[in-house]
Amino acid sequence: MRDVVTIPFDGGASLIIASDNSGGIGMRADDQVQVPYETVAYYSFRVAVMECIAAGGEPITVVLHNFCGNEPWEELVNGIQKGLFELDLTDVPVTGSTESNFQLLQSAIGMLVIGKRAAKRENEISYDEDLNLAVIGLPLVGSEVIDQENQVVPLSVFRDIAKMDGVITWPVGSRGIFYELEQMFPDCMLKKEMVVSDIDVWKSSGPATCFIAAYRNEQADELKKLAGTYMHSLEIRNCR
């Protein structure tokens, strides 16, 4: 099951609402990871927007819940705008609010991305022998996200692959690739030895630094071209 809420309307259109939050990451003395607030907002935004797009949504607005005080607001918005720019979404408004009455010891934000889906799109899939899987990007968390930024799949790559007809994209979060496969293919009753990859399928992917792509043979060449060196092997064996 995807981490989104789908609100259907007459005519087949829907609202897609996706969210993310971040705590203990920022520029306060007690933060566990010290990074600029622009970076904090960018990576929180990418989690929510990837979930929204993967569910077939076209983002129409972003809502920021800021618990870092008034001063970082503009920097936080800049991080969101950076992500929107990568996706060529220049007309998506950003709104939200700041907790300014009380000061927290650590930085914290919440993020909503609201999208629209014009018509029902097939974004769930069942496993069969002719299905191919790949991980695009590396699972990274904490300071790894900054230190290995060149291994974080760009939003533009995710967008282009998500637009491919018949390809299912599935962002990987903090519970890792194996967990996401369980959500994608609940009928497989996965065990550790059934999942084969050249990367760690148990490792946290933090702010969705990678995603799973499910595709057919006829889509392989185009997907490999779009993914480039971000593409890693993934296989499920003996799924009944």
Protein backbone atom coordinates (compact mmCIF):
# COMPACT_ATOMS: atom_id res chain seq x y z
CA MET A 1 0.00 0.00 0.00
CA ARG A 2 1.31 3.44 -0.91
CA ASP A 3 1.82 6.19 1.68
CA VAL A 4 -0.85 8.41 0.16
CA VAL A 5 -4.51 9.28 0.56
CA THR A 6 -6.63 9.21 -2.61
CA ILE A 7 -9.83 11.26 -2.66
CA PRO A 8 -11.96 10.41 -5.72
CA PHE A 9 -14.33 12.81 -7.45
CA ASP A 10 -17.04 12.35 -10.05
CA GLY A 11 -15.68 11.72 -13.53
CA GLY A 12 -12.72 9.66 -12.38
CA ALA A 13 -10.51 12.50 -11.15
CA SER A 14 -8.84 12.28 -7.73
CA LEU A 15 -6.81 14.26 -5.26
CA ILE A 16 -3.58 12.57 -4.16
CA ILE A 17 -2.22 13.66 -0.77
CA ALA A 18 1.28 12.59 0.29
CA SER A 19 3.26 13.62 3.36
CA ASP A 20 6.63 13.51 5.08
CA ASN A 21 8.21 14.85 8.26
CA SER A 22 11.70 15.54 9.51
CA GLY A 23 13.00 15.87 13.06
CA GLY A 24 16.44 16.41 14.60
CA ILE A 25 17.90 17.52 11.27
CA GLY A 26 18.87 21.16 10.79
CA MET A 27 21.02 23.89 12.32
CA ARG A 28 20.08 23.80 16.01
CA ALA A 29 22.66 22.76 18.58
CA ASP A 30 20.74 19.60 19.54
CA ASP A 31 20.10 18.41 15.99
CA GLN A 32 21.58 14.99 15.29
CA VAL A 33 22.44 15.87 11.68
CA GLN A 34 23.71 19.39 11.01
CA VAL A 35 22.66 20.61 7.55
CA PRO A 36 21.22 23.86 6.13
CA TYR A 37 17.45 24.25 6.27
CA GLU A 38 17.27 24.39 2.49
CA THR A 39 18.62 20.84 2.45
CA VAL A 40 16.16 19.74 5.14
CA ALA A 41 13.18 21.00 3.16
CA TYR A 42 14.46 19.70 -0.17
CA TYR A 43 14.76 16.12 1.04
CA SER A 44 11.47 16.16 2.92
CA PHE A 45 9.77 17.55 -0.17
CA ARG A 46 11.26 14.87 -2.41
CA VAL A 47 9.78 12.09 -0.26
CA ALA A 48 6.26 13.51 -0.45
CA VAL A 49 6.42 14.53 -4.10
CA MET A 50 7.80 11.15 -5.20
CA GLU A 51 4.95 9.38 -3.40
CA CYS A 52 2.45 11.73 -5.04
CA ILE A 53 3.83 11.25 -8.55
CA ALA A 54 4.22 7.48 -8.12
CA ALA A 55 0.51 7.32 -7.30
CA GLY A 56 -0.28 9.13 -10.56
CA GLY A 57 -0.66 12.62 -9.11
CA GLU A 58 0.39 15.89 -10.75
CA PRO A 59 1.48 18.19 -7.86
CA ILE A 60 -0.66 21.31 -7.49
CA THR A 61 0.39 22.68 -4.10
CA VAL A 62 2.86 22.17 -1.25
CA VAL A 63 2.07 22.75 2.44
CA LEU A 64 4.95 23.31 4.88
CA HIS A 65 4.61 22.90 8.66
CA ASN A 66 7.60 24.66 10.20
CA PHE A 67 8.72 24.10 13.80
CA CYS A 68 12.17 25.67 13.30
CA GLY A 69 11.16 29.26 14.07
CA ASN A 70 10.52 32.27 11.83
CA GLU A 71 14.08 32.81 10.63
CA PRO A 72 14.51 29.64 8.51
CA TRP A 73 11.20 30.03 6.63
CA GLU A 74 12.66 31.49 3.45
CA GLU A 75 15.46 28.93 3.41
CA LEU A 76 12.95 26.11 3.84
CA VAL A 77 10.84 27.42 0.96
CA ASN A 78 13.98 27.67 -1.18
CA GLY A 79 14.55 23.95 -0.62
CA ILE A 80 11.05 23.17 -1.83
CA GLN A 81 11.48 25.45 -4.83
CA LYS A 82 14.72 23.63 -5.69
CA GLY A 83 12.81 20.36 -5.90
CA LEU A 84 9.99 21.93 -7.92
CA PHE A 85 12.56 23.33 -10.35
CA GLU A 86 14.07 19.86 -10.86
CA LEU A 87 10.60 18.63 -11.78
CA ASP A 88 9.87 21.59 -14.11
CA LEU A 89 6.98 22.59 -11.84
CA THR A 90 7.39 26.35 -11.75
CA ASP A 91 3.78 27.32 -11.01
CA VAL A 92 3.08 25.19 -7.91
CA PRO A 93 2.28 27.41 -4.91
CA VAL A 94 3.84 26.84 -1.48
CA THR A 95 1.91 27.66 1.69
CA GLY A 96 2.09 26.70 5.37
CA SER A 97 2.64 28.02 8.86
CA THR A 98 5.29 28.42 11.55
CA GLU A 99 5.21 27.59 15.25
CA SER A 100 6.56 30.89 16.58
CA ASN A 101 5.14 30.92 20.11
CA PHE A 102 7.37 28.17 21.46
CA GLN A 103 10.96 27.19 20.69
CA LEU A 104 11.82 23.51 20.22
CA LEU A 105 15.25 22.18 21.13
CA GLN A 106 15.55 20.41 17.77
CA SER A 107 14.51 21.30 14.25
CA ALA A 108 11.32 19.79 12.87
CA ILE A 109 9.16 20.20 9.78
CA GLY A 110 6.16 18.51 8.20
CA MET A 111 5.43 18.46 4.47
CA LEU A 112 2.30 17.84 2.40
CA VAL A 113 2.23 17.55 -1.37
CA ILE A 114 -1.24 17.64 -2.89
CA GLY A 115 -1.67 16.48 -6.47
CA LYS A 116 -4.44 15.81 -8.91
CA ARG A 117 -4.97 12.70 -11.01
CA ALA A 118 -7.13 13.39 -14.03
CA ALA A 119 -8.19 9.78 -14.48
CA LYS A 120 -7.59 6.47 -12.77
CA ARG A 121 -4.11 5.22 -13.62
CA GLU A 122 -2.79 1.73 -13.08
CA ASN A 123 -0.19 2.16 -10.35
CA GLU A 124 -0.35 -1.21 -8.62
CA ILE A 125 1.09 -4.43 -9.99
CA SER A 126 1.06 -8.18 -9.42
CA TYR A 127 4.22 -10.25 -9.62
CA ASP A 128 4.76 -12.68 -12.49
CA GLU A 129 7.75 -14.34 -14.14
CA ASP A 130 7.89 -11.79 -16.98
CA LEU A 131 8.19 -8.81 -14.64
CA ASN A 132 11.56 -7.10 -14.27
CA LEU A 133 12.65 -5.11 -11.22
CA ALA A 134 15.41 -2.60 -10.59
CA VAL A 135 16.49 -0.19 -7.88
CA ILE A 136 17.25 3.30 -9.15
CA GLY A 137 19.63 5.14 -6.80
CA LEU A 138 21.24 3.93 -3.57
CA PRO A 139 19.60 3.60 -0.12
CA LEU A 140 21.19 6.31 2.03
CA VAL A 141 20.37 7.84 5.40
CA GLY A 142 21.62 10.62 7.69
CA SER A 143 24.99 12.10 6.81
CA GLU A 144 25.35 9.58 3.94
CA VAL A 145 22.79 11.63 2.01
CA ILE A 146 25.19 14.58 2.02
CA ASP A 147 28.45 12.64 1.72
CA GLN A 148 27.21 10.47 -1.18
CA GLU A 149 24.93 12.98 -2.86
CA ASN A 150 26.03 11.76 -6.30
CA GLN A 151 24.31 8.42 -5.54
CA VAL A 152 20.94 10.02 -4.74
CA VAL A 153 18.68 9.58 -7.76
CA PRO A 154 17.70 13.03 -9.12
CA LEU A 155 14.04 13.98 -9.10
CA SER A 156 14.24 14.58 -12.85
CA VAL A 157 15.24 10.93 -13.42
CA PHE A 158 12.41 9.74 -11.21
CA ARG A 159 9.92 11.97 -13.06
CA ASP A 160 10.97 10.68 -16.49
CA ILE A 161 10.76 7.02 -15.46
CA ALA A 162 7.44 7.55 -13.69
CA LYS A 163 6.02 8.92 -16.96
CA MET A 164 6.85 5.75 -18.89
CA ASP A 165 3.74 3.84 -19.93
CA GLY A 166 3.37 0.59 -18.02
CA VAL A 167 6.24 1.25 -15.60
CA ILE A 168 5.40 1.23 -11.88
CA THR A 169 7.59 3.34 -9.60
CA TRP A 170 7.74 2.81 -5.84
CA PRO A 171 9.82 5.18 -3.63
CA VAL A 172 11.88 3.47 -0.93
CA GLY A 173 11.72 4.96 2.57
CA SER A 174 13.32 4.37 5.94
CA ARG A 175 12.24 0.70 6.19
CA GLY A 176 14.30 -0.30 3.16
CA ILE A 177 13.84 -2.08 -0.16
CA PHE A 178 12.73 -5.45 1.27
CA TYR A 179 9.87 -3.81 3.17
CA GLU A 180 8.70 -1.95 0.06
CA LEU A 181 8.74 -5.18 -1.94
CA GLU A 182 6.47 -6.73 0.69
CA GLN A 183 4.03 -3.86 0.16
CA MET A 184 4.23 -4.16 -3.63
CA PHE A 185 3.78 -7.94 -3.75
CA PRO A 186 1.93 -9.09 -0.61
CA ASP A 187 1.02 -12.43 -2.23
CA CYS A 188 4.68 -13.45 -2.58
CA MET A 189 5.20 -14.05 1.15
CA LEU A 190 8.80 -12.90 0.77
CA LYS A 191 11.73 -14.40 2.66
CA LYS A 192 15.25 -13.05 2.86
CA GLU A 193 16.73 -15.61 0.45
CA MET A 194 14.11 -14.83 -2.22
CA VAL A 195 15.34 -11.26 -2.86
CA VAL A 196 18.62 -10.89 -4.77
CA SER A 197 20.33 -7.56 -5.44
CA ASP A 198 23.76 -6.00 -5.75
CA ILE A 199 22.84 -3.52 -2.98
CA ASP A 200 21.61 -3.85 0.62
CA VAL A 201 17.84 -4.42 0.53
CA TRP A 202 17.52 -3.98 4.31
CA LYS A 203 19.16 -0.57 4.56
CA SER A 204 17.17 2.61 5.19
CA SER A 205 16.69 4.81 2.15
CA GLY A 206 16.06 7.81 4.38
CA PRO A 207 14.53 10.62 2.29
CA ALA A 208 13.68 8.35 -0.67
CA THR A 209 17.19 8.42 -2.12
CA CYS A 210 16.20 5.48 -4.34
CA PHE A 211 13.08 3.87 -5.78
CA ILE A 212 11.98 0.53 -7.20
CA ALA A 213 10.96 0.32 -10.86
CA ALA A 214 8.83 -2.57 -12.16
CA TYR A 215 8.87 -2.95 -15.95
CA ARG A 216 8.52 -5.35 -18.89
CA ASN A 217 11.19 -6.50 -21.34
CA GLU A 218 10.08 -4.11 -24.06
CA GLN A 219 10.68 -1.16 -21.69
CA ALA A 220 14.15 -2.24 -20.59
CA ASP A 221 16.24 -0.27 -23.08
CA GLU A 222 14.46 3.03 -22.47
CA LEU A 223 14.54 2.59 -18.70
CA LYS A 224 18.25 1.76 -18.70
CA LYS A 225 18.92 4.85 -20.81
CA LEU A 226 17.01 7.10 -18.41
CA ALA A 227 18.44 5.54 -15.23
CA GLY A 228 22.06 5.32 -16.38
CA THR A 229 24.52 4.51 -13.60
CA TYR A 230 21.80 4.92 -10.95
CA MET A 231 20.32 1.53 -11.95
CA HIS A 232 20.98 -1.52 -9.73
CA SER A 233 19.87 -5.14 -10.04
CA LEU A 234 16.88 -6.52 -8.14
CA GLU A 235 15.22 -9.91 -8.45
CA ILE A 236 12.59 -11.96 -6.64
CA ARG A 237 13.10 -15.71 -6.91
CA ASN A 238 10.59 -18.51 -6.37
CA CYS A 239 7.54 -16.32 -5.83
CA ARG A 240 4.47 -18.55 -6.02
